[in-house]
């Protein structure tokens, strides 16, 4: 159906319901002569009279009554669909899909999921944990939580804190078999476990900073992996030296199962940001995503969290409950679905 024909049918239904060209024209916001011309054009297309007109009344012909009987259910369905869509912004409900960096999942999201679910029992959380930054529009995510560097220019980004240090560690067994490095350049003589992201070869470069001096070293090793837990396991098993977020290795360092090396050279990553595509016509369920990253990382966690894999069906929307700022600058996937328990009555 063409747009012009839809407008003509809308005009016909309005005249039929009001039995008046004047009242129908007022409802539609057009002039009476314009409405009369629209009906005449529709009748000419069908080749049949739809309305009987006199100076005092308007009535349906047999053909007009038949057409109205078929159109009325359709128009009621359209009205119901419009009402349903208009109600959505006022309801915090549905599925909220987030793509989250593994470290943010442990330090920012995991401690808050239970509280969020209790506050918004009608929202189902679907969290994709991935160190590769996703295209949230094409992959139908509502929002993402990732490191601040490299967020696309057309995204809205909200800093949420959670800055953390990288720690370069190895097992006592490995260090017993190899001379510990004393400078970053010494890593070239070691087997380094490289952590990649989305097939990015940038994992070969480890960055260090000391007293304002920054050093980049191209490391080599027998293992290149894109999963934090796998890299951690390999380090614990004595395969080589690994560079991981401090929050993930703190427990094992405390237990003596891992030993920090080059401690004076540990760099910091940038803050995490919550990013989404637009603040216009933001669905309320997505706006509530801003309530999740309300925490800040004050101390290392005792151990890395374990996230159970699951499949996720794509669904769409977009976020924000905290003041956003415009950003105009510059694997292996695990998914977690949290379906909160029904609210108590």
C-alpha atoms as a PDB file:
ATOM      1  CA  UNK A   1       0.000   0.000   0.000  1.00  0.00           C
ATOM      2  CA  UNK A   2       1.349   3.421  -0.957  1.00  0.00           C
ATOM      3  CA  UNK A   3       1.506   6.248   1.569  1.00  0.00           C
ATOM      4  CA  UNK A   4      -1.015   8.303  -0.430  1.00  0.00           C
ATOM      5  CA  UNK A   5      -3.538   5.468  -0.459  1.00  0.00           C
ATOM      6  CA  UNK A   6      -3.109   4.935   3.290  1.00  0.00           C
ATOM      7  CA  UNK A   7      -3.855   8.643   3.842  1.00  0.00           C
ATOM      8  CA  UNK A   8      -6.949   8.355   1.626  1.00  0.00           C
ATOM      9  CA  UNK A   9      -8.245   5.344   3.549  1.00  0.00           C
ATOM     10  CA  UNK A  10      -7.602   7.153   6.834  1.00  0.00           C
ATOM     11  CA  UNK A  11      -9.657  10.073   5.550  1.00  0.00           C
ATOM     12  CA  UNK A  12     -12.468   7.735   4.469  1.00  0.00           C
ATOM     13  CA  UNK A  13     -12.637   6.058   7.901  1.00  0.00           C
ATOM     14  CA  UNK A  14     -12.742   9.448   9.624  1.00  0.00           C
ATOM     15  CA  UNK A  15     -15.652  10.678   7.466  1.00  0.00           C
ATOM     16  CA  UNK A  16     -17.525   7.402   7.914  1.00  0.00           C
ATOM     17  CA  UNK A  17     -17.119   7.451  11.703  1.00  0.00           C
ATOM     18  CA  UNK A  18     -18.158  11.108  12.062  1.00  0.00           C
ATOM     19  CA  UNK A  19     -20.786  11.086   9.259  1.00  0.00           C
ATOM     20  CA  UNK A  20     -19.511  14.565   8.564  1.00  0.00           C
ATOM     21  CA  UNK A  21     -16.818  16.055   6.344  1.00  0.00           C
ATOM     22  CA  UNK A  22     -16.460  19.060   8.637  1.00  0.00           C
ATOM     23  CA  UNK A  23     -15.865  17.071  11.848  1.00  0.00           C
ATOM     24  CA  UNK A  24     -13.584  14.602  10.054  1.00  0.00           C
ATOM     25  CA  UNK A  25     -11.519  17.454   8.583  1.00  0.00           C
ATOM     26  CA  UNK A  26     -11.119  18.954  12.072  1.00  0.00           C
ATOM     27  CA  UNK A  27      -9.901  15.609  13.443  1.00  0.00           C
ATOM     28  CA  UNK A  28      -7.425  15.149  10.605  1.00  0.00           C
ATOM     29  CA  UNK A  29      -6.218  18.751  10.717  1.00  0.00           C
ATOM     30  CA  UNK A  30      -6.986  19.521   7.082  1.00  0.00           C
ATOM     31  CA  UNK A  31      -9.503  21.719   5.293  1.00  0.00           C
ATOM     32  CA  UNK A  32     -12.956  20.412   4.344  1.00  0.00           C
ATOM     33  CA  UNK A  33     -12.423  21.009   0.592  1.00  0.00           C
ATOM     34  CA  UNK A  34      -9.107  19.130   0.752  1.00  0.00           C
ATOM     35  CA  UNK A  35     -10.796  16.213   2.517  1.00  0.00           C
ATOM     36  CA  UNK A  36     -13.599  16.173  -0.066  1.00  0.00           C
ATOM     37  CA  UNK A  37     -11.028  16.027  -2.875  1.00  0.00           C
ATOM     38  CA  UNK A  38      -9.214  13.138  -1.131  1.00  0.00           C
ATOM     39  CA  UNK A  39     -12.419  11.086  -0.957  1.00  0.00           C
ATOM     40  CA  UNK A  40     -13.219  11.802  -4.610  1.00  0.00           C
ATOM     41  CA  UNK A  41      -9.727  10.615  -5.615  1.00  0.00           C
ATOM     42  CA  UNK A  42     -10.212   7.391  -3.639  1.00  0.00           C
ATOM     43  CA  UNK A  43     -13.576   6.758  -5.282  1.00  0.00           C
ATOM     44  CA  UNK A  44     -12.064   7.333  -8.711  1.00  0.00           C
ATOM     45  CA  UNK A  45      -9.324   4.800  -7.975  1.00  0.00           C
ATOM     46  CA  UNK A  46     -11.892   2.170  -6.934  1.00  0.00           C
ATOM     47  CA  UNK A  47     -14.335   3.130  -9.654  1.00  0.00           C
ATOM     48  CA  UNK A  48     -17.232   3.095  -7.210  1.00  0.00           C
ATOM     49  CA  UNK A  49     -19.034   5.584  -4.956  1.00  0.00           C
ATOM     50  CA  UNK A  50     -18.238   5.085  -1.271  1.00  0.00           C
ATOM     51  CA  UNK A  51     -20.249   7.897   0.317  1.00  0.00           C
ATOM     52  CA  UNK A  52     -23.635   9.435  -0.402  1.00  0.00           C
ATOM     53  CA  UNK A  53     -23.526  13.172   0.226  1.00  0.00           C
ATOM     54  CA  UNK A  54     -26.256  15.760   0.642  1.00  0.00           C
ATOM     55  CA  UNK A  55     -26.094  19.269   2.018  1.00  0.00           C
ATOM     56  CA  UNK A  56     -27.361  17.929   5.364  1.00  0.00           C
ATOM     57  CA  UNK A  57     -25.847  14.467   5.780  1.00  0.00           C
ATOM     58  CA  UNK A  58     -23.224  11.934   4.714  1.00  0.00           C
ATOM     59  CA  UNK A  59     -23.945   8.218   4.509  1.00  0.00           C
ATOM     60  CA  UNK A  60     -22.174   5.045   3.397  1.00  0.00           C
ATOM     61  CA  UNK A  61     -23.046   3.331   0.167  1.00  0.00           C
ATOM     62  CA  UNK A  62     -23.116  -0.469   0.055  1.00  0.00           C
ATOM     63  CA  UNK A  63     -19.545  -0.464  -1.264  1.00  0.00           C
ATOM     64  CA  UNK A  64     -18.524   2.044   1.418  1.00  0.00           C
ATOM     65  CA  UNK A  65     -20.039  -0.076   4.204  1.00  0.00           C
ATOM     66  CA  UNK A  66     -18.238  -3.146   2.875  1.00  0.00           C
ATOM     67  CA  UNK A  67     -14.902  -1.289   2.804  1.00  0.00           C
ATOM     68  CA  UNK A  68     -15.413   0.087   6.329  1.00  0.00           C
ATOM     69  CA  UNK A  69     -16.213  -3.378   7.708  1.00  0.00           C
ATOM     70  CA  UNK A  70     -12.798  -4.590   6.535  1.00  0.00           C
ATOM     71  CA  UNK A  71     -10.875  -1.490   7.540  1.00  0.00           C
ATOM     72  CA  UNK A  72     -12.268  -1.071  11.080  1.00  0.00           C
ATOM     73  CA  UNK A  73     -10.469  -4.134  12.606  1.00  0.00           C
ATOM     74  CA  UNK A  74      -7.241  -3.061  10.909  1.00  0.00           C
ATOM     75  CA  UNK A  75      -7.503   0.469  12.275  1.00  0.00           C
ATOM     76  CA  UNK A  76      -8.226  -0.840  15.785  1.00  0.00           C
ATOM     77  CA  UNK A  77      -5.095  -2.976  15.521  1.00  0.00           C
ATOM     78  CA  UNK A  78      -3.048   0.042  14.455  1.00  0.00           C
ATOM     79  CA  UNK A  79      -4.403   2.076  17.372  1.00  0.00           C
ATOM     80  CA  UNK A  80      -3.584  -0.743  19.784  1.00  0.00           C
ATOM     81  CA  UNK A  81      -0.049  -1.025  18.397  1.00  0.00           C
ATOM     82  CA  UNK A  82       0.494   2.730  18.763  1.00  0.00           C
ATOM     83  CA  UNK A  83      -0.812   2.677  22.339  1.00  0.00           C
ATOM     84  CA  UNK A  84       1.501  -0.236  23.181  1.00  0.00           C
ATOM     85  CA  UNK A  85       4.559   1.549  21.794  1.00  0.00           C
ATOM     86  CA  UNK A  86       3.710   4.774  23.610  1.00  0.00           C
ATOM     87  CA  UNK A  87       3.507   2.861  26.905  1.00  0.00           C
ATOM     88  CA  UNK A  88       6.985   1.349  26.566  1.00  0.00           C
ATOM     89  CA  UNK A  89       8.999   4.428  27.689  1.00  0.00           C
ATOM     90  CA  UNK A  90       7.079   4.448  30.975  1.00  0.00           C
ATOM     91  CA  UNK A  91       7.827   0.817  31.811  1.00  0.00           C
ATOM     92  CA  UNK A  92      11.209  -0.440  33.002  1.00  0.00           C
ATOM     93  CA  UNK A  93      10.799  -3.967  31.704  1.00  0.00           C
ATOM     94  CA  UNK A  94      12.101  -6.376  29.074  1.00  0.00           C
ATOM     95  CA  UNK A  95      15.568  -7.687  28.254  1.00  0.00           C
ATOM     96  CA  UNK A  96      18.598  -5.446  28.785  1.00  0.00           C
ATOM     97  CA  UNK A  97      21.572  -6.642  26.711  1.00  0.00           C
ATOM     98  CA  UNK A  98      25.050  -5.479  27.715  1.00  0.00           C
ATOM     99  CA  UNK A  99      28.494  -6.256  26.317  1.00  0.00           C
ATOM    100  CA  UNK A 100      31.035  -6.029  29.142  1.00  0.00           C
ATOM    101  CA  UNK A 101      34.821  -6.259  29.418  1.00  0.00           C
ATOM    102  CA  UNK A 102      35.819  -9.282  31.565  1.00  0.00           C
ATOM    103  CA  UNK A 103      37.457  -7.150  34.247  1.00  0.00           C
ATOM    104  CA  UNK A 104      34.457  -4.811  34.407  1.00  0.00           C
ATOM    105  CA  UNK A 105      32.216  -7.870  34.729  1.00  0.00           C
ATOM    106  CA  UNK A 106      34.120  -8.911  37.853  1.00  0.00           C
ATOM    107  CA  UNK A 107      34.767  -5.532  39.438  1.00  0.00           C
ATOM    108  CA  UNK A 108      31.776  -3.407  38.378  1.00  0.00           C
ATOM    109  CA  UNK A 109      28.815  -5.541  37.298  1.00  0.00           C
ATOM    110  CA  UNK A 110      28.924  -8.791  39.317  1.00  0.00           C
ATOM    111  CA  UNK A 111      28.712  -7.124  42.771  1.00  0.00           C
ATOM    112  CA  UNK A 112      25.609  -5.149  41.700  1.00  0.00           C
ATOM    113  CA  UNK A 113      23.483  -7.653  39.773  1.00  0.00           C
ATOM    114  CA  UNK A 114      21.470  -8.868  42.779  1.00  0.00           C
ATOM    115  CA  UNK A 115      20.697  -5.314  43.925  1.00  0.00           C
ATOM    116  CA  UNK A 116      19.727  -4.212  40.411  1.00  0.00           C
ATOM    117  CA  UNK A 117      17.438  -7.229  39.924  1.00  0.00           C
ATOM    118  CA  UNK A 118      15.705  -6.573  43.228  1.00  0.00           C
ATOM    119  CA  UNK A 119      15.082  -2.934  42.267  1.00  0.00           C
ATOM    120  CA  UNK A 120      13.900  -3.741  38.720  1.00  0.00           C
ATOM    121  CA  UNK A 121      12.261  -7.190  38.821  1.00  0.00           C
ATOM    122  CA  UNK A 122      10.708  -6.737  35.362  1.00  0.00           C
ATOM    123  CA  UNK A 123      14.115  -6.364  33.665  1.00  0.00           C
ATOM    124  CA  UNK A 124      16.023  -9.456  32.497  1.00  0.00           C
ATOM    125  CA  UNK A 125      19.769  -8.971  32.230  1.00  0.00           C
ATOM    126  CA  UNK A 126      21.681 -10.541  29.363  1.00  0.00           C
ATOM    127  CA  UNK A 127      25.416  -9.917  29.733  1.00  0.00           C
ATOM    128  CA  UNK A 128      27.982 -10.830  27.084  1.00  0.00           C
ATOM    129  CA  UNK A 129      31.466 -10.912  28.661  1.00  0.00           C
ATOM    130  CA  UNK A 130      34.091 -10.248  26.004  1.00  0.00           C
ATOM    131  CA  UNK A 131      37.410  -8.415  25.909  1.00  0.00           C
ATOM    132  CA  UNK A 132      36.709  -7.451  22.298  1.00  0.00           C
ATOM    133  CA  UNK A 133      34.758  -4.207  21.978  1.00  0.00           C
ATOM    134  CA  UNK A 134      31.503  -4.948  20.141  1.00  0.00           C
ATOM    135  CA  UNK A 135      29.531  -2.911  17.623  1.00  0.00           C
ATOM    136  CA  UNK A 136      26.501  -2.507  19.876  1.00  0.00           C
ATOM    137  CA  UNK A 137      24.239  -1.316  17.059  1.00  0.00           C
ATOM    138  CA  UNK A 138      24.836  -4.105  14.546  1.00  0.00           C
ATOM    139  CA  UNK A 139      24.923  -6.774  17.272  1.00  0.00           C
ATOM    140  CA  UNK A 140      21.814  -5.367  18.967  1.00  0.00           C
ATOM    141  CA  UNK A 141      23.191  -4.536  22.411  1.00  0.00           C
ATOM    142  CA  UNK A 142      21.598  -1.827  24.520  1.00  0.00           C
ATOM    143  CA  UNK A 143      24.949  -0.618  25.866  1.00  0.00           C
ATOM    144  CA  UNK A 144      28.524  -1.640  26.567  1.00  0.00           C
ATOM    145  CA  UNK A 145      31.025  -1.278  29.403  1.00  0.00           C
ATOM    146  CA  UNK A 146      34.622  -1.196  28.226  1.00  0.00           C
ATOM    147  CA  UNK A 147      37.912   0.612  28.522  1.00  0.00           C
ATOM    148  CA  UNK A 148      37.640   4.261  27.594  1.00  0.00           C
ATOM    149  CA  UNK A 149      40.241   4.230  24.820  1.00  0.00           C
ATOM    150  CA  UNK A 150      38.958   3.555  21.342  1.00  0.00           C
ATOM    151  CA  UNK A 151      35.211   4.066  21.814  1.00  0.00           C
ATOM    152  CA  UNK A 152      33.659   4.957  18.433  1.00  0.00           C
ATOM    153  CA  UNK A 153      33.203   8.667  17.794  1.00  0.00           C
ATOM    154  CA  UNK A 154      29.447   8.402  17.298  1.00  0.00           C
ATOM    155  CA  UNK A 155      28.864   6.827  20.723  1.00  0.00           C
ATOM    156  CA  UNK A 156      27.732   8.550  23.923  1.00  0.00           C
ATOM    157  CA  UNK A 157      30.236   7.624  26.660  1.00  0.00           C
ATOM    158  CA  UNK A 158      29.875   7.937  30.446  1.00  0.00           C
ATOM    159  CA  UNK A 159      32.996   7.471  32.625  1.00  0.00           C
ATOM    160  CA  UNK A 160      32.226   5.092  35.494  1.00  0.00           C
ATOM    161  CA  UNK A 161      35.642   4.686  37.131  1.00  0.00           C
ATOM    162  CA  UNK A 162      37.140   1.294  37.874  1.00  0.00           C
ATOM    163  CA  UNK A 163      40.720   2.166  36.891  1.00  0.00           C
ATOM    164  CA  UNK A 164      42.988  -0.789  37.540  1.00  0.00           C
ATOM    165  CA  UNK A 165      46.626  -1.799  37.333  1.00  0.00           C
ATOM    166  CA  UNK A 166      48.230  -4.473  35.218  1.00  0.00           C
ATOM    167  CA  UNK A 167      50.480  -6.857  37.074  1.00  0.00           C
ATOM    168  CA  UNK A 168      53.278  -8.865  35.446  1.00  0.00           C
ATOM    169  CA  UNK A 169      53.592 -12.210  37.249  1.00  0.00           C
ATOM    170  CA  UNK A 170      54.999 -15.715  37.002  1.00  0.00           C
ATOM    171  CA  UNK A 171      54.856 -18.865  39.115  1.00  0.00           C
ATOM    172  CA  UNK A 172      57.644 -19.702  41.597  1.00  0.00           C
ATOM    173  CA  UNK A 173      58.354 -22.801  39.509  1.00  0.00           C
ATOM    174  CA  UNK A 174      58.971 -20.767  36.349  1.00  0.00           C
ATOM    175  CA  UNK A 175      61.163 -18.237  38.193  1.00  0.00           C
ATOM    176  CA  UNK A 176      63.097 -21.106  39.751  1.00  0.00           C
ATOM    177  CA  UNK A 177      63.972 -22.314  36.258  1.00  0.00           C
ATOM    178  CA  UNK A 178      64.646 -18.869  34.776  1.00  0.00           C
ATOM    179  CA  UNK A 179      66.395 -15.718  35.953  1.00  0.00           C
ATOM    180  CA  UNK A 180      63.690 -13.151  36.929  1.00  0.00           C
ATOM    181  CA  UNK A 181      63.661 -10.058  34.667  1.00  0.00           C
ATOM    182  CA  UNK A 182      65.026  -6.889  36.219  1.00  0.00           C
ATOM    183  CA  UNK A 183      64.054  -4.547  33.370  1.00  0.00           C
ATOM    184  CA  UNK A 184      61.284  -4.691  30.758  1.00  0.00           C
ATOM    185  CA  UNK A 185      63.875  -5.425  28.042  1.00  0.00           C
ATOM    186  CA  UNK A 186      64.758  -8.666  29.860  1.00  0.00           C
ATOM    187  CA  UNK A 187      61.315 -10.026  28.901  1.00  0.00           C
ATOM    188  CA  UNK A 188      62.665 -10.682  25.402  1.00  0.00           C
ATOM    189  CA  UNK A 189      64.623 -13.568  26.934  1.00  0.00           C
ATOM    190  CA  UNK A 190      61.499 -15.120  28.509  1.00  0.00           C
ATOM    191  CA  UNK A 191      58.509 -17.165  27.412  1.00  0.00           C
ATOM    192  CA  UNK A 192      55.635 -14.690  27.680  1.00  0.00           C
ATOM    193  CA  UNK A 193      51.971 -15.668  27.665  1.00  0.00           C
ATOM    194  CA  UNK A 194      50.292 -13.214  25.318  1.00  0.00           C
ATOM    195  CA  UNK A 195      46.683 -12.128  25.820  1.00  0.00           C
ATOM    196  CA  UNK A 196      45.013 -11.029  22.590  1.00  0.00           C
ATOM    197  CA  UNK A 197      41.742  -9.267  21.859  1.00  0.00           C
ATOM    198  CA  UNK A 198      39.661 -10.059  18.767  1.00  0.00           C
ATOM    199  CA  UNK A 199      42.659 -11.373  16.822  1.00  0.00           C
ATOM    200  CA  UNK A 200      44.582  -8.154  17.520  1.00  0.00           C
ATOM    201  CA  UNK A 201      48.336  -8.679  17.455  1.00  0.00           C
ATOM    202  CA  UNK A 202      48.788  -5.747  19.852  1.00  0.00           C
ATOM    203  CA  UNK A 203      49.173  -8.357  22.603  1.00  0.00           C
ATOM    204  CA  UNK A 204      52.806  -8.678  21.495  1.00  0.00           C
ATOM    205  CA  UNK A 205      53.462  -5.214  22.952  1.00  0.00           C
ATOM    206  CA  UNK A 206      53.593  -4.874  26.741  1.00  0.00           C
ATOM    207  CA  UNK A 207      53.698  -1.335  28.074  1.00  0.00           C
ATOM    208  CA  UNK A 208      55.477  -0.280  31.260  1.00  0.00           C
ATOM    209  CA  UNK A 209      55.796   3.010  33.073  1.00  0.00           C
ATOM    210  CA  UNK A 210      58.213   4.094  35.776  1.00  0.00           C
ATOM    211  CA  UNK A 211      58.665   7.635  37.134  1.00  0.00           C
ATOM    212  CA  UNK A 212      57.130   9.185  34.043  1.00  0.00           C
ATOM    213  CA  UNK A 213      59.115   7.014  31.652  1.00  0.00           C
ATOM    214  CA  UNK A 214      57.156   4.683  29.382  1.00  0.00           C
ATOM    215  CA  UNK A 215      58.643   1.605  27.728  1.00  0.00           C
ATOM    216  CA  UNK A 216      57.069  -0.715  25.153  1.00  0.00           C
ATOM    217  CA  UNK A 217      58.443  -4.209  24.686  1.00  0.00           C
ATOM    218  CA  UNK A 218      57.570  -6.680  21.928  1.00  0.00           C
ATOM    219  CA  UNK A 219      57.297  -9.971  23.790  1.00  0.00           C
ATOM    220  CA  UNK A 220      57.283 -13.488  22.350  1.00  0.00           C
ATOM    221  CA  UNK A 221      56.143 -16.819  23.704  1.00  0.00           C
ATOM    222  CA  UNK A 222      54.668 -20.223  23.017  1.00  0.00           C
ATOM    223  CA  UNK A 223      51.061 -19.291  23.886  1.00  0.00           C
ATOM    224  CA  UNK A 224      48.738 -16.637  22.490  1.00  0.00           C
ATOM    225  CA  UNK A 225      45.226 -16.781  23.998  1.00  0.00           C
ATOM    226  CA  UNK A 226      42.190 -14.484  24.112  1.00  0.00           C
ATOM    227  CA  UNK A 227      40.754 -15.594  27.458  1.00  0.00           C
ATOM    228  CA  UNK A 228      41.812 -14.156  30.820  1.00  0.00           C
ATOM    229  CA  UNK A 229      41.153 -17.338  32.801  1.00  0.00           C
ATOM    230  CA  UNK A 230      43.119 -19.453  30.333  1.00  0.00           C
ATOM    231  CA  UNK A 231      46.096 -17.072  30.484  1.00  0.00           C
ATOM    232  CA  UNK A 232      45.933 -17.081  34.283  1.00  0.00           C
ATOM    233  CA  UNK A 233      45.847 -20.881  34.381  1.00  0.00           C
ATOM    234  CA  UNK A 234      48.864 -21.089  32.102  1.00  0.00           C
ATOM    235  CA  UNK A 235      50.769 -18.707  34.365  1.00  0.00           C
ATOM    236  CA  UNK A 236      49.873 -20.710  37.458  1.00  0.00           C
ATOM    237  CA  UNK A 237      51.081 -23.884  35.731  1.00  0.00           C
ATOM    238  CA  UNK A 238      54.522 -22.360  35.146  1.00  0.00           C
ATOM    239  CA  UNK A 239      54.342 -21.934  31.377  1.00  0.00           C
ATOM    240  CA  UNK A 240      55.762 -18.415  31.423  1.00  0.00           C
ATOM    241  CA  UNK A 241      55.361 -14.779  32.442  1.00  0.00           C
ATOM    242  CA  UNK A 242      51.903 -13.275  32.033  1.00  0.00           C
ATOM    243  CA  UNK A 243      50.561  -9.719  32.293  1.00  0.00           C
ATOM    244  CA  UNK A 244      47.042  -9.553  33.749  1.00  0.00           C
ATOM    245  CA  UNK A 245      44.824  -7.129  35.681  1.00  0.00           C
ATOM    246  CA  UNK A 246      45.930  -6.947  39.301  1.00  0.00           C
ATOM    247  CA  UNK A 247      42.416  -7.728  40.548  1.00  0.00           C
ATOM    248  CA  UNK A 248      42.610 -11.157  38.928  1.00  0.00           C
ATOM    249  CA  UNK A 249      46.012 -12.197  40.299  1.00  0.00           C
ATOM    250  CA  UNK A 250      45.883 -10.635  43.802  1.00  0.00           C
ATOM    251  CA  UNK A 251      44.636 -13.794  45.534  1.00  0.00           C
ATOM    252  CA  UNK A 252      47.286 -15.984  43.935  1.00  0.00           C
ATOM    253  CA  UNK A 253      50.038 -13.523  44.788  1.00  0.00           C
ATOM    254  CA  UNK A 254      48.841 -13.514  48.408  1.00  0.00           C
ATOM    255  CA  UNK A 255      48.898 -17.336  48.439  1.00  0.00           C
ATOM    256  CA  UNK A 256      52.404 -17.417  46.964  1.00  0.00           C
ATOM    257  CA  UNK A 257      51.267 -19.204  43.814  1.00  0.00           C
ATOM    258  CA  UNK A 258      52.279 -16.236  41.655  1.00  0.00           C
ATOM    259  CA  UNK A 259      55.168 -13.801  42.118  1.00  0.00           C
ATOM    260  CA  UNK A 260      55.144 -10.206  40.773  1.00  0.00           C
ATOM    261  CA  UNK A 261      58.040  -9.197  38.540  1.00  0.00           C
ATOM    262  CA  UNK A 262      58.922  -5.677  37.412  1.00  0.00           C
ATOM    263  CA  UNK A 263      56.590  -4.314  40.116  1.00  0.00           C
ATOM    264  CA  UNK A 264      58.023  -0.809  39.762  1.00  0.00           C
ATOM    265  CA  UNK A 265      56.977  -0.773  36.107  1.00  0.00           C
ATOM    266  CA  UNK A 266      53.283  -1.661  36.441  1.00  0.00           C
ATOM    267  CA  UNK A 267      51.117   0.619  34.289  1.00  0.00           C
ATOM    268  CA  UNK A 268      47.483   1.652  34.745  1.00  0.00           C
ATOM    269  CA  UNK A 269      44.668   1.249  32.270  1.00  0.00           C
ATOM    270  CA  UNK A 270      42.143   3.976  31.647  1.00  0.00           C
ATOM    271  CA  UNK A 271      38.761   4.174  33.369  1.00  0.00           C
ATOM    272  CA  UNK A 272      35.889   2.048  32.178  1.00  0.00           C
ATOM    273  CA  UNK A 273      33.076   3.804  30.367  1.00  0.00           C
ATOM    274  CA  UNK A 274      29.451   2.952  29.767  1.00  0.00           C
ATOM    275  CA  UNK A 275      28.718   3.648  26.089  1.00  0.00           C
ATOM    276  CA  UNK A 276      25.565   3.598  23.975  1.00  0.00           C
ATOM    277  CA  UNK A 277      24.375   4.877  20.617  1.00  0.00           C
ATOM    278  CA  UNK A 278      22.019   7.804  21.392  1.00  0.00           C
ATOM    279  CA  UNK A 279      20.203   9.535  24.217  1.00  0.00           C
ATOM    280  CA  UNK A 280      17.184  10.328  22.000  1.00  0.00           C
ATOM    281  CA  UNK A 281      13.963   8.408  22.773  1.00  0.00           C
ATOM    282  CA  UNK A 282      15.823   6.256  25.272  1.00  0.00           C
ATOM    283  CA  UNK A 283      13.819   3.186  26.412  1.00  0.00           C
ATOM    284  CA  UNK A 284      13.342   3.228  30.177  1.00  0.00           C
ATOM    285  CA  UNK A 285      14.651  -0.315  30.605  1.00  0.00           C
ATOM    286  CA  UNK A 286      17.870   0.752  28.862  1.00  0.00           C
ATOM    287  CA  UNK A 287      18.100   3.967  30.855  1.00  0.00           C
ATOM    288  CA  UNK A 288      18.294   1.828  33.972  1.00  0.00           C
ATOM    289  CA  UNK A 289      21.624   0.450  32.738  1.00  0.00           C
ATOM    290  CA  UNK A 290      23.132   3.544  34.328  1.00  0.00           C
ATOM    291  CA  UNK A 291      22.228   2.137  37.746  1.00  0.00           C
ATOM    292  CA  UNK A 292      24.482  -0.897  37.298  1.00  0.00           C
ATOM    293  CA  UNK A 293      27.966   0.661  37.229  1.00  0.00           C
ATOM    294  CA  UNK A 294      27.446   2.684  40.392  1.00  0.00           C
ATOM    295  CA  UNK A 295      30.404   1.125  42.222  1.00  0.00           C
ATOM    296  CA  UNK A 296      34.069   1.978  42.153  1.00  0.00           C
ATOM    297  CA  UNK A 297      36.953  -0.443  42.600  1.00  0.00           C
ATOM    298  CA  UNK A 298      38.621   0.462  45.889  1.00  0.00           C
ATOM    299  CA  UNK A 299      40.665  -2.743  46.446  1.00  0.00           C
ATOM    300  CA  UNK A 300      41.596  -5.921  44.572  1.00  0.00           C
ATOM    301  CA  UNK A 301      39.087  -8.742  44.649  1.00  0.00           C
ATOM    302  CA  UNK A 302      40.115 -11.909  46.431  1.00  0.00           C
ATOM    303  CA  UNK A 303      39.704 -14.056  43.312  1.00  0.00           C
ATOM    304  CA  UNK A 304      38.511 -13.871  39.730  1.00  0.00           C
ATOM    305  CA  UNK A 305      34.818 -14.519  39.302  1.00  0.00           C
ATOM    306  CA  UNK A 306      33.631 -17.489  37.250  1.00  0.00           C
ATOM    307  CA  UNK A 307      31.023 -16.727  34.624  1.00  0.00           C
ATOM    308  CA  UNK A 308      28.862 -19.559  33.332  1.00  0.00           C
ATOM    309  CA  UNK A 309      28.532 -19.663  29.522  1.00  0.00           C
ATOM    310  CA  UNK A 310      25.109 -19.581  27.919  1.00  0.00           C
ATOM    311  CA  UNK A 311      23.524 -18.712  24.606  1.00  0.00           C
ATOM    312  CA  UNK A 312      21.746 -15.422  24.064  1.00  0.00           C
ATOM    313  CA  UNK A 313      19.061 -14.422  21.597  1.00  0.00           C
ATOM    314  CA  UNK A 314      19.646 -11.003  20.007  1.00  0.00           C
ATOM    315  CA  UNK A 315      17.367  -8.256  21.148  1.00  0.00           C
ATOM    316  CA  UNK A 316      17.535  -4.519  20.796  1.00  0.00           C
ATOM    317  CA  UNK A 317      17.210  -1.118  22.494  1.00  0.00           C
ATOM    318  CA  UNK A 318      19.635   1.665  23.769  1.00  0.00           C
ATOM    319  CA  UNK A 319      20.593   3.610  27.566  1.00  0.00           C
ATOM    320  CA  UNK A 320      20.870   6.500  30.798  1.00  0.00           C
ATOM    321  CA  UNK A 321      20.051   7.429  34.237  1.00  0.00           C
ATOM    322  CA  UNK A 322      23.275   9.306  34.931  1.00  0.00           C
ATOM    323  CA  UNK A 323      24.367  12.438  33.100  1.00  0.00           C
ATOM    324  CA  UNK A 324      25.985  11.360  29.821  1.00  0.00           C
ATOM    325  CA  UNK A 325      28.659  13.198  27.912  1.00  0.00           C
ATOM    326  CA  UNK A 326      29.181  13.214  24.162  1.00  0.00           C
ATOM    327  CA  UNK A 327      32.357  11.493  23.086  1.00  0.00           C
ATOM    328  CA  UNK A 328      33.926  13.075  20.058  1.00  0.00           C
ATOM    329  CA  UNK A 329      37.463  11.689  20.045  1.00  0.00           C
ATOM    330  CA  UNK A 330      38.802   8.923  19.308  1.00  0.00           C
ATOM    331  CA  UNK A 331      37.878 -13.872  21.298  1.00  0.00           C
ATOM    332  CA  UNK A 332      36.268 -15.649  22.942  1.00  0.00           C
ATOM    333  CA  UNK A 333      32.828 -14.647  24.105  1.00  0.00           C
ATOM    334  CA  UNK A 334      31.132 -15.706  27.299  1.00  0.00           C
ATOM    335  CA  UNK A 335      27.574 -14.749  28.048  1.00  0.00           C
ATOM    336  CA  UNK A 336      25.658 -14.535  31.295  1.00  0.00           C
ATOM    337  CA  UNK A 337      21.924 -14.269  31.536  1.00  0.00           C
ATOM    338  CA  UNK A 338      20.305 -13.193  34.791  1.00  0.00           C
ATOM    339  CA  UNK A 339      16.549 -13.538  35.047  1.00  0.00           C
ATOM    340  CA  UNK A 340      15.474 -11.999  38.365  1.00  0.00           C
ATOM    341  CA  UNK A 341      12.961 -13.708  40.606  1.00  0.00           C
ATOM    342  CA  UNK A 342       9.406 -12.341  40.554  1.00  0.00           C
ATOM    343  CA  UNK A 343       8.843  -9.421  42.893  1.00  0.00           C
ATOM    344  CA  UNK A 344       7.261 -10.269  46.217  1.00  0.00           C
ATOM    345  CA  UNK A 345       3.728  -9.069  46.696  1.00  0.00           C
END
